[in-house]
Amino acid sequence: MTLAVILDMDGLLLDTEPISLRVWKHAAQRLGYELDDEVCERMIGVGQADNKVMLLGHFGNQFPVDELIALAQASYREVLDAGGVPHKPGLLDFVRFLDERGIPRAVATSTATELAKHKLHQARVLHHFDIVVGGEQVSRGKPEPDIFLEAAARLGYPPEDCVVLEDSGPGVRAAVAAGMRPILIPDGREPSADVREAAHAVVESLSAARVVIERMMNGGGPWLGSSVTCSPSPAMTPRTKDGLRTKAKGPGTMS
């Protein structure tokens, strides 16, 4: 089976979301505001235009949202340039797997394209991705499907032959809306029950996602009436040798 893989970036390939959280909070404090964890959580995986609307709705129309974004972005780039861009575990092995198998791939991120390419360059993996679609290249951000449909069009693959790797709820919903099959790798946040249900697979790492993709390419995998999932309590659920767990019935829980 021939597949193309579309990947989110922050929190999925790059371990940048903790940095982003600190930068946004610090920028808000400089302007005399507090960004609590609930507001920051709503910003994850969502494009800048939607975040502006959300912040103005939360703080009121007097909130200096453009100044906040400018401060945060300048500080964010300074932090990344000074300290480097950390990888998520298993990233280099995963991109080598894509290269070895000749799997077409694209990055589709809410981050602006220029900054996304800068981060991938700083992380020394930009050369693995010929196609990078940033949030400003589409009219609607996640959870709308536009960015994934654009990535698929550039890859030359129909949506049904695309697998999306995501770490956030908005990203999973966008992939489903695009008619693609999302693999969710939660980035420290337990996915809600509806997101867990929407994902075709929930796994713990890029290494486990590789196993799922290999099964799909060989005509198997969890798409035929079964699923896999991660667990917040590893000691409570036996792990199989390939790092996947059987999905249990019941509730799941910056660019």
C-alpha atoms as a PDB file:
ATOM      1  CA  MET A   1       0.000   0.000   0.000  1.00  0.00           C
ATOM      2  CA  THR A   2       1.420   3.392  -0.998  1.00  0.00           C
ATOM      3  CA  LEU A   3       1.034   6.138   1.578  1.00  0.00           C
ATOM      4  CA  ALA A   4       2.108   9.733   2.118  1.00  0.00           C
ATOM      5  CA  VAL A   5       2.802  11.064   5.604  1.00  0.00           C
ATOM      6  CA  ILE A   6       1.885  14.572   6.748  1.00  0.00           C
ATOM      7  CA  LEU A   7       3.392  15.734  10.019  1.00  0.00           C
ATOM      8  CA  ASP A   8       2.689  18.483  12.489  1.00  0.00           C
ATOM      9  CA  MET A   9       5.864  20.108  13.834  1.00  0.00           C
ATOM     10  CA  ASP A  10       5.782  21.659  17.322  1.00  0.00           C
ATOM     11  CA  GLY A  11       5.228  19.016  19.981  1.00  0.00           C
ATOM     12  CA  LEU A  12       5.418  16.246  17.364  1.00  0.00           C
ATOM     13  CA  LEU A  13       8.828  16.574  15.696  1.00  0.00           C
ATOM     14  CA  LEU A  14      10.303  19.332  17.829  1.00  0.00           C
ATOM     15  CA  ASP A  15      10.100  19.625  21.612  1.00  0.00           C
ATOM     16  CA  THR A  16       9.323  23.332  21.455  1.00  0.00           C
ATOM     17  CA  GLU A  17       5.957  23.668  23.170  1.00  0.00           C
ATOM     18  CA  PRO A  18       7.411  24.077  26.717  1.00  0.00           C
ATOM     19  CA  ILE A  19       9.592  26.887  25.354  1.00  0.00           C
ATOM     20  CA  SER A  20       6.606  28.474  23.635  1.00  0.00           C
ATOM     21  CA  LEU A  21       4.558  28.318  26.840  1.00  0.00           C
ATOM     22  CA  ARG A  22       7.258  30.110  28.841  1.00  0.00           C
ATOM     23  CA  VAL A  23       7.724  32.765  26.155  1.00  0.00           C
ATOM     24  CA  TRP A  24       4.018  33.566  25.816  1.00  0.00           C
ATOM     25  CA  LYS A  25       3.584  33.862  29.577  1.00  0.00           C
ATOM     26  CA  HIS A  26       6.644  36.093  29.958  1.00  0.00           C
ATOM     27  CA  ALA A  27       5.560  38.355  27.094  1.00  0.00           C
ATOM     28  CA  ALA A  28       2.106  38.754  28.644  1.00  0.00           C
ATOM     29  CA  GLN A  29       3.649  39.628  32.020  1.00  0.00           C
ATOM     30  CA  ARG A  30       5.737  42.351  30.371  1.00  0.00           C
ATOM     31  CA  LEU A  31       2.468  43.882  29.167  1.00  0.00           C
ATOM     32  CA  GLY A  32       0.831  43.573  32.591  1.00  0.00           C
ATOM     33  CA  TYR A  33      -1.304  40.486  31.915  1.00  0.00           C
ATOM     34  CA  GLU A  34      -1.300  36.876  33.075  1.00  0.00           C
ATOM     35  CA  LEU A  35      -1.744  33.977  30.677  1.00  0.00           C
ATOM     36  CA  ASP A  36      -2.957  31.043  32.741  1.00  0.00           C
ATOM     37  CA  ASP A  37      -2.539  27.409  31.752  1.00  0.00           C
ATOM     38  CA  GLU A  38      -6.138  27.143  30.513  1.00  0.00           C
ATOM     39  CA  VAL A  39      -5.639  29.961  28.014  1.00  0.00           C
ATOM     40  CA  CYS A  40      -2.275  28.577  26.893  1.00  0.00           C
ATOM     41  CA  GLU A  41      -3.838  25.143  26.399  1.00  0.00           C
ATOM     42  CA  ARG A  42      -6.397  26.671  24.031  1.00  0.00           C
ATOM     43  CA  MET A  43      -3.578  28.183  21.966  1.00  0.00           C
ATOM     44  CA  ILE A  44      -1.870  24.868  21.227  1.00  0.00           C
ATOM     45  CA  GLY A  45      -2.254  23.562  17.704  1.00  0.00           C
ATOM     46  CA  VAL A  46      -4.245  26.592  16.561  1.00  0.00           C
ATOM     47  CA  GLY A  47      -3.239  29.240  14.017  1.00  0.00           C
ATOM     48  CA  GLN A  48      -2.294  32.803  14.864  1.00  0.00           C
ATOM     49  CA  ALA A  49      -5.513  34.358  13.513  1.00  0.00           C
ATOM     50  CA  ASP A  50      -7.674  32.090  15.667  1.00  0.00           C
ATOM     51  CA  ASN A  51      -5.468  32.739  18.692  1.00  0.00           C
ATOM     52  CA  LYS A  52      -5.898  36.493  18.227  1.00  0.00           C
ATOM     53  CA  VAL A  53      -9.671  36.091  18.243  1.00  0.00           C
ATOM     54  CA  MET A  54      -9.507  33.856  21.319  1.00  0.00           C
ATOM     55  CA  LEU A  55      -7.235  36.241  23.262  1.00  0.00           C
ATOM     56  CA  LEU A  56      -9.391  39.278  22.463  1.00  0.00           C
ATOM     57  CA  GLY A  57     -12.460  37.333  23.528  1.00  0.00           C
ATOM     58  CA  HIS A  58     -10.769  36.345  26.778  1.00  0.00           C
ATOM     59  CA  PHE A  59      -9.182  39.677  27.743  1.00  0.00           C
ATOM     60  CA  GLY A  60     -11.376  42.159  25.860  1.00  0.00           C
ATOM     61  CA  ASN A  61     -10.861  44.353  22.816  1.00  0.00           C
ATOM     62  CA  GLN A  62      -8.392  46.573  24.690  1.00  0.00           C
ATOM     63  CA  PHE A  63      -5.902  43.704  24.937  1.00  0.00           C
ATOM     64  CA  PRO A  64      -2.664  44.530  23.015  1.00  0.00           C
ATOM     65  CA  VAL A  65      -2.686  41.262  21.078  1.00  0.00           C
ATOM     66  CA  ASP A  66      -0.438  42.395  18.221  1.00  0.00           C
ATOM     67  CA  GLU A  67       2.156  43.703  20.678  1.00  0.00           C
ATOM     68  CA  LEU A  68       1.996  40.437  22.600  1.00  0.00           C
ATOM     69  CA  ILE A  69       2.581  38.393  19.445  1.00  0.00           C
ATOM     70  CA  ALA A  70       5.495  40.591  18.368  1.00  0.00           C
ATOM     71  CA  LEU A  71       7.151  40.342  21.798  1.00  0.00           C
ATOM     72  CA  ALA A  72       6.600  36.602  22.064  1.00  0.00           C
ATOM     73  CA  GLN A  73       7.866  35.819  18.573  1.00  0.00           C
ATOM     74  CA  ALA A  74      11.026  37.915  18.980  1.00  0.00           C
ATOM     75  CA  SER A  75      11.799  36.306  22.326  1.00  0.00           C
ATOM     76  CA  TYR A  76      10.997  32.835  20.993  1.00  0.00           C
ATOM     77  CA  ARG A  77      13.448  33.145  18.113  1.00  0.00           C
ATOM     78  CA  GLU A  78      16.145  34.468  20.475  1.00  0.00           C
ATOM     79  CA  VAL A  79      15.687  31.501  22.814  1.00  0.00           C
ATOM     80  CA  LEU A  80      15.819  28.978  19.964  1.00  0.00           C
ATOM     81  CA  ASP A  81      18.851  30.604  18.327  1.00  0.00           C
ATOM     82  CA  ALA A  82      20.711  30.682  21.639  1.00  0.00           C
ATOM     83  CA  GLY A  83      19.841  27.212  22.904  1.00  0.00           C
ATOM     84  CA  GLY A  84      19.051  25.213  19.789  1.00  0.00           C
ATOM     85  CA  VAL A  85      15.858  23.394  18.869  1.00  0.00           C
ATOM     86  CA  PRO A  86      15.319  20.167  20.804  1.00  0.00           C
ATOM     87  CA  HIS A  87      14.033  17.043  19.053  1.00  0.00           C
ATOM     88  CA  LYS A  88      11.222  14.851  20.233  1.00  0.00           C
ATOM     89  CA  PRO A  89      12.524  11.363  21.092  1.00  0.00           C
ATOM     90  CA  GLY A  90      13.050   9.137  18.066  1.00  0.00           C
ATOM     91  CA  LEU A  91      12.931  11.937  15.476  1.00  0.00           C
ATOM     92  CA  LEU A  92      16.151  11.081  13.644  1.00  0.00           C
ATOM     93  CA  ASP A  93      15.325   7.381  13.468  1.00  0.00           C
ATOM     94  CA  PHE A  94      11.853   8.239  12.192  1.00  0.00           C
ATOM     95  CA  VAL A  95      13.030  10.494   9.365  1.00  0.00           C
ATOM     96  CA  ARG A  96      15.644   7.891   8.414  1.00  0.00           C
ATOM     97  CA  PHE A  97      12.803   5.365   8.186  1.00  0.00           C
ATOM     98  CA  LEU A  98      10.879   7.703   5.862  1.00  0.00           C
ATOM     99  CA  ASP A  99      13.990   8.183   3.749  1.00  0.00           C
ATOM    100  CA  GLU A 100      14.813   4.481   3.568  1.00  0.00           C
ATOM    101  CA  ARG A 101      11.273   3.529   2.579  1.00  0.00           C
ATOM    102  CA  GLY A 102      10.946   6.409   0.139  1.00  0.00           C
ATOM    103  CA  ILE A 103       7.770   7.630   1.833  1.00  0.00           C
ATOM    104  CA  PRO A 104       6.582  11.032   0.550  1.00  0.00           C
ATOM    105  CA  ARG A 105       6.156  13.467   3.415  1.00  0.00           C
ATOM    106  CA  ALA A 106       5.262  17.067   4.220  1.00  0.00           C
ATOM    107  CA  VAL A 107       5.205  19.234   7.315  1.00  0.00           C
ATOM    108  CA  ALA A 108       1.878  21.014   7.934  1.00  0.00           C
ATOM    109  CA  THR A 109       2.100  23.395  10.875  1.00  0.00           C
ATOM    110  CA  SER A 110       0.186  26.346  12.294  1.00  0.00           C
ATOM    111  CA  THR A 111       3.559  28.105  12.592  1.00  0.00           C
ATOM    112  CA  ALA A 112       4.387  30.612   9.839  1.00  0.00           C
ATOM    113  CA  THR A 113       6.345  28.951   7.032  1.00  0.00           C
ATOM    114  CA  GLU A 114       9.510  31.041   7.388  1.00  0.00           C
ATOM    115  CA  LEU A 115       9.741  30.397  11.126  1.00  0.00           C
ATOM    116  CA  ALA A 116       8.893  26.706  10.655  1.00  0.00           C
ATOM    117  CA  LYS A 117      11.720  26.282   8.150  1.00  0.00           C
ATOM    118  CA  HIS A 118      14.066  28.181  10.468  1.00  0.00           C
ATOM    119  CA  LYS A 119      13.247  25.831  13.351  1.00  0.00           C
ATOM    120  CA  LEU A 120      13.641  22.728  11.216  1.00  0.00           C
ATOM    121  CA  HIS A 121      16.975  24.088   9.968  1.00  0.00           C
ATOM    122  CA  GLN A 122      18.125  24.793  13.525  1.00  0.00           C
ATOM    123  CA  ALA A 123      17.108  21.239  14.427  1.00  0.00           C
ATOM    124  CA  ARG A 124      19.169  19.972  11.442  1.00  0.00           C
ATOM    125  CA  VAL A 125      16.249  18.139   9.822  1.00  0.00           C
ATOM    126  CA  LEU A 126      14.959  20.608   7.220  1.00  0.00           C
ATOM    127  CA  HIS A 127      16.653  18.654   4.422  1.00  0.00           C
ATOM    128  CA  HIS A 128      14.339  15.713   5.165  1.00  0.00           C
ATOM    129  CA  PHE A 129      11.253  17.765   4.249  1.00  0.00           C
ATOM    130  CA  ASP A 130      10.879  19.206   0.759  1.00  0.00           C
ATOM    131  CA  ILE A 131       7.367  20.454   1.501  1.00  0.00           C
ATOM    132  CA  VAL A 132       6.578  22.730   4.469  1.00  0.00           C
ATOM    133  CA  VAL A 133       3.101  24.266   4.614  1.00  0.00           C
ATOM    134  CA  GLY A 134       2.791  27.033   7.202  1.00  0.00           C
ATOM    135  CA  GLY A 135      -0.307  28.458   8.779  1.00  0.00           C
ATOM    136  CA  GLU A 136      -0.320  31.644   6.720  1.00  0.00           C
ATOM    137  CA  GLN A 137      -0.601  29.656   3.481  1.00  0.00           C
ATOM    138  CA  VAL A 138      -4.232  28.671   4.094  1.00  0.00           C
ATOM    139  CA  SER A 139      -7.300  30.736   4.927  1.00  0.00           C
ATOM    140  CA  ARG A 140      -8.500  28.584   7.820  1.00  0.00           C
ATOM    141  CA  GLY A 141      -6.359  26.988  10.506  1.00  0.00           C
ATOM    142  CA  LYS A 142      -6.789  23.722  12.392  1.00  0.00           C
ATOM    143  CA  PRO A 143      -9.278  22.213  13.269  1.00  0.00           C
ATOM    144  CA  GLU A 144     -10.383  23.060   9.720  1.00  0.00           C
ATOM    145  CA  PRO A 145      -8.883  20.684   7.122  1.00  0.00           C
ATOM    146  CA  ASP A 146      -7.332  23.290   4.808  1.00  0.00           C
ATOM    147  CA  ILE A 147      -3.678  22.886   5.750  1.00  0.00           C
ATOM    148  CA  PHE A 148      -3.720  19.099   5.377  1.00  0.00           C
ATOM    149  CA  LEU A 149      -5.575  19.280   2.062  1.00  0.00           C
ATOM    150  CA  GLU A 150      -2.976  21.765   0.818  1.00  0.00           C
ATOM    151  CA  ALA A 151      -0.145  19.472   1.903  1.00  0.00           C
ATOM    152  CA  ALA A 152      -1.775  16.483   0.189  1.00  0.00           C
ATOM    153  CA  ALA A 153      -2.230  18.466  -3.020  1.00  0.00           C
ATOM    154  CA  ARG A 154       1.448  19.416  -3.040  1.00  0.00           C
ATOM    155  CA  LEU A 155       2.411  15.797  -2.421  1.00  0.00           C
ATOM    156  CA  GLY A 156       0.120  14.687  -5.240  1.00  0.00           C
ATOM    157  CA  TYR A 157      -1.758  12.176  -3.074  1.00  0.00           C
ATOM    158  CA  PRO A 158      -5.505  11.880  -2.451  1.00  0.00           C
ATOM    159  CA  PRO A 159      -6.564  12.463   1.175  1.00  0.00           C
ATOM    160  CA  GLU A 160      -7.524   8.822   1.714  1.00  0.00           C
ATOM    161  CA  ASP A 161      -3.904   7.798   1.052  1.00  0.00           C
ATOM    162  CA  CYS A 162      -2.478  10.247   3.589  1.00  0.00           C
ATOM    163  CA  VAL A 163      -1.579   9.499   7.194  1.00  0.00           C
ATOM    164  CA  VAL A 164      -1.308  12.471   9.551  1.00  0.00           C
ATOM    165  CA  LEU A 165       0.868  12.503  12.661  1.00  0.00           C
ATOM    166  CA  GLU A 166      -0.393  14.974  15.263  1.00  0.00           C
ATOM    167  CA  ASP A 167      -0.002  15.785  18.949  1.00  0.00           C
ATOM    168  CA  SER A 168      -3.098  17.950  19.485  1.00  0.00           C
ATOM    169  CA  GLY A 169      -6.863  17.708  19.410  1.00  0.00           C
ATOM    170  CA  PRO A 170      -7.328  20.447  16.785  1.00  0.00           C
ATOM    171  CA  GLY A 171      -4.849  18.627  14.547  1.00  0.00           C
ATOM    172  CA  VAL A 172      -6.657  15.306  14.857  1.00  0.00           C
ATOM    173  CA  ARG A 173      -9.996  16.953  14.075  1.00  0.00           C
ATOM    174  CA  ALA A 174      -8.465  18.690  11.044  1.00  0.00           C
ATOM    175  CA  ALA A 175      -7.089  15.389   9.726  1.00  0.00           C
ATOM    176  CA  VAL A 176     -10.466  13.665  10.114  1.00  0.00           C
ATOM    177  CA  ALA A 177     -12.213  16.578   8.401  1.00  0.00           C
ATOM    178  CA  ALA A 178      -9.727  16.226   5.528  1.00  0.00           C
ATOM    179  CA  GLY A 179     -10.609  12.536   5.093  1.00  0.00           C
ATOM    180  CA  MET A 180      -7.198  11.389   6.319  1.00  0.00           C
ATOM    181  CA  ARG A 181      -6.120   8.943   9.005  1.00  0.00           C
ATOM    182  CA  PRO A 182      -4.578  10.594  12.074  1.00  0.00           C
ATOM    183  CA  ILE A 183      -2.081   8.985  14.393  1.00  0.00           C
ATOM    184  CA  LEU A 184      -2.068  10.891  17.681  1.00  0.00           C
ATOM    185  CA  ILE A 185       1.107  11.155  19.771  1.00  0.00           C
ATOM    186  CA  PRO A 186       0.025  13.200  22.823  1.00  0.00           C
ATOM    187  CA  ASP A 187       2.594  15.747  23.979  1.00  0.00           C
ATOM    188  CA  GLY A 188       2.168  15.518  27.730  1.00  0.00           C
ATOM    189  CA  ARG A 189      -1.589  16.112  27.657  1.00  0.00           C
ATOM    190  CA  GLU A 190      -4.078  13.278  28.011  1.00  0.00           C
ATOM    191  CA  PRO A 191      -6.372  13.520  24.961  1.00  0.00           C
ATOM    192  CA  SER A 192     -10.064  14.048  25.532  1.00  0.00           C
ATOM    193  CA  ALA A 193     -12.419  11.144  24.934  1.00  0.00           C
ATOM    194  CA  ASP A 194     -13.697  12.579  21.650  1.00  0.00           C
ATOM    195  CA  VAL A 195     -10.185  13.161  20.298  1.00  0.00           C
ATOM    196  CA  ARG A 196      -9.098   9.676  21.330  1.00  0.00           C
ATOM    197  CA  GLU A 197     -12.154   8.263  19.567  1.00  0.00           C
ATOM    198  CA  ALA A 198     -11.526  10.322  16.424  1.00  0.00           C
ATOM    199  CA  ALA A 199      -7.889   9.194  16.102  1.00  0.00           C
ATOM    200  CA  HIS A 200      -7.266   5.993  14.187  1.00  0.00           C
ATOM    201  CA  ALA A 201      -4.383   5.251  16.540  1.00  0.00           C
ATOM    202  CA  VAL A 202      -2.992   6.798  19.713  1.00  0.00           C
ATOM    203  CA  VAL A 203       0.632   5.890  20.384  1.00  0.00           C
ATOM    204  CA  GLU A 204       3.376   6.986  22.735  1.00  0.00           C
ATOM    205  CA  SER A 205       6.174   7.986  20.395  1.00  0.00           C
ATOM    206  CA  LEU A 206       7.430   8.415  16.865  1.00  0.00           C
ATOM    207  CA  SER A 207       8.958   4.953  17.192  1.00  0.00           C
ATOM    208  CA  ALA A 208       5.536   3.438  17.870  1.00  0.00           C
ATOM    209  CA  ALA A 209       4.018   5.471  15.025  1.00  0.00           C
ATOM    210  CA  ARG A 210       6.594   3.926  12.713  1.00  0.00           C
ATOM    211  CA  VAL A 211       5.294   0.470  13.636  1.00  0.00           C
ATOM    212  CA  VAL A 212       1.730   1.517  12.785  1.00  0.00           C
ATOM    213  CA  ILE A 213       2.786   2.983   9.430  1.00  0.00           C
ATOM    214  CA  GLU A 214       4.747  -0.148   8.539  1.00  0.00           C
ATOM    215  CA  ARG A 215       1.691  -2.294   9.300  1.00  0.00           C
ATOM    216  CA  MET A 216      -0.477  -0.063   7.132  1.00  0.00           C
ATOM    217  CA  MET A 217       1.973  -0.269   4.239  1.00  0.00           C
ATOM    218  CA  ASN A 218       1.916  -4.046   4.559  1.00  0.00           C
ATOM    219  CA  GLY A 219      -1.883  -4.123   4.459  1.00  0.00           C
ATOM    220  CA  GLY A 220      -2.410  -4.587   8.184  1.00  0.00           C
ATOM    221  CA  GLY A 221      -2.495  -2.354  11.221  1.00  0.00           C
ATOM    222  CA  PRO A 222      -5.256  -1.069  13.457  1.00  0.00           C
ATOM    223  CA  TRP A 223      -7.423   0.251  10.637  1.00  0.00           C
ATOM    224  CA  LEU A 224      -9.351  -2.989  10.273  1.00  0.00           C
ATOM    225  CA  GLY A 225     -11.616  -2.692  13.290  1.00  0.00           C
ATOM    226  CA  SER A 226      -9.060  -2.446  16.094  1.00  0.00           C
ATOM    227  CA  SER A 227      -6.952   0.334  17.556  1.00  0.00           C
ATOM    228  CA  VAL A 228      -3.936   1.040  19.710  1.00  0.00           C
ATOM    229  CA  THR A 229      -3.455   3.630  22.377  1.00  0.00           C
ATOM    230  CA  CYS A 230      -1.051   5.052  24.898  1.00  0.00           C
ATOM    231  CA  SER A 231      -1.671   5.100  28.602  1.00  0.00           C
ATOM    232  CA  PRO A 232      -0.764   7.730  31.207  1.00  0.00           C
ATOM    233  CA  SER A 233       0.036   4.923  33.643  1.00  0.00           C
ATOM    234  CA  PRO A 234       2.533   2.498  32.042  1.00  0.00           C
ATOM    235  CA  ALA A 235       2.649   0.259  35.097  1.00  0.00           C
ATOM    236  CA  MET A 236      -1.090  -0.364  34.870  1.00  0.00           C
ATOM    237  CA  THR A 237      -1.186  -1.654  31.293  1.00  0.00           C
ATOM    238  CA  PRO A 238       1.068  -4.370  29.839  1.00  0.00           C
ATOM    239  CA  ARG A 239       3.203  -3.189  26.939  1.00  0.00           C
ATOM    240  CA  THR A 240       3.559  -5.285  23.841  1.00  0.00           C
ATOM    241  CA  LYS A 241       7.007  -5.779  22.380  1.00  0.00           C
ATOM    242  CA  ASP A 242       6.486  -3.071  19.718  1.00  0.00           C
ATOM    243  CA  GLY A 243       5.466  -0.388  22.241  1.00  0.00           C
ATOM    244  CA  LEU A 244       1.745  -0.374  21.443  1.00  0.00           C
ATOM    245  CA  ARG A 245      -1.130  -1.033  23.800  1.00  0.00           C
ATOM    246  CA  THR A 246      -4.578  -2.432  23.162  1.00  0.00           C
ATOM    247  CA  LYS A 247      -7.237   0.245  23.363  1.00  0.00           C
ATOM    248  CA  ALA A 248      -9.437  -0.150  26.417  1.00  0.00           C
ATOM    249  CA  LYS A 249     -13.135   0.639  26.486  1.00  0.00           C
ATOM    250  CA  GLY A 250     -14.241   3.598  28.531  1.00  0.00           C
ATOM    251  CA  PRO A 251     -13.433   7.318  28.691  1.00  0.00           C
ATOM    252  CA  GLY A 252     -10.125   8.819  27.684  1.00  0.00           C
ATOM    253  CA  THR A 253      -9.612  11.670  29.411  1.00  0.00           C
ATOM    254  CA  MET A 254       2.674  27.796  20.049  1.00  0.00           C
ATOM    255  CA  SER A 255       3.251  28.562  17.296  1.00  0.00           C
END
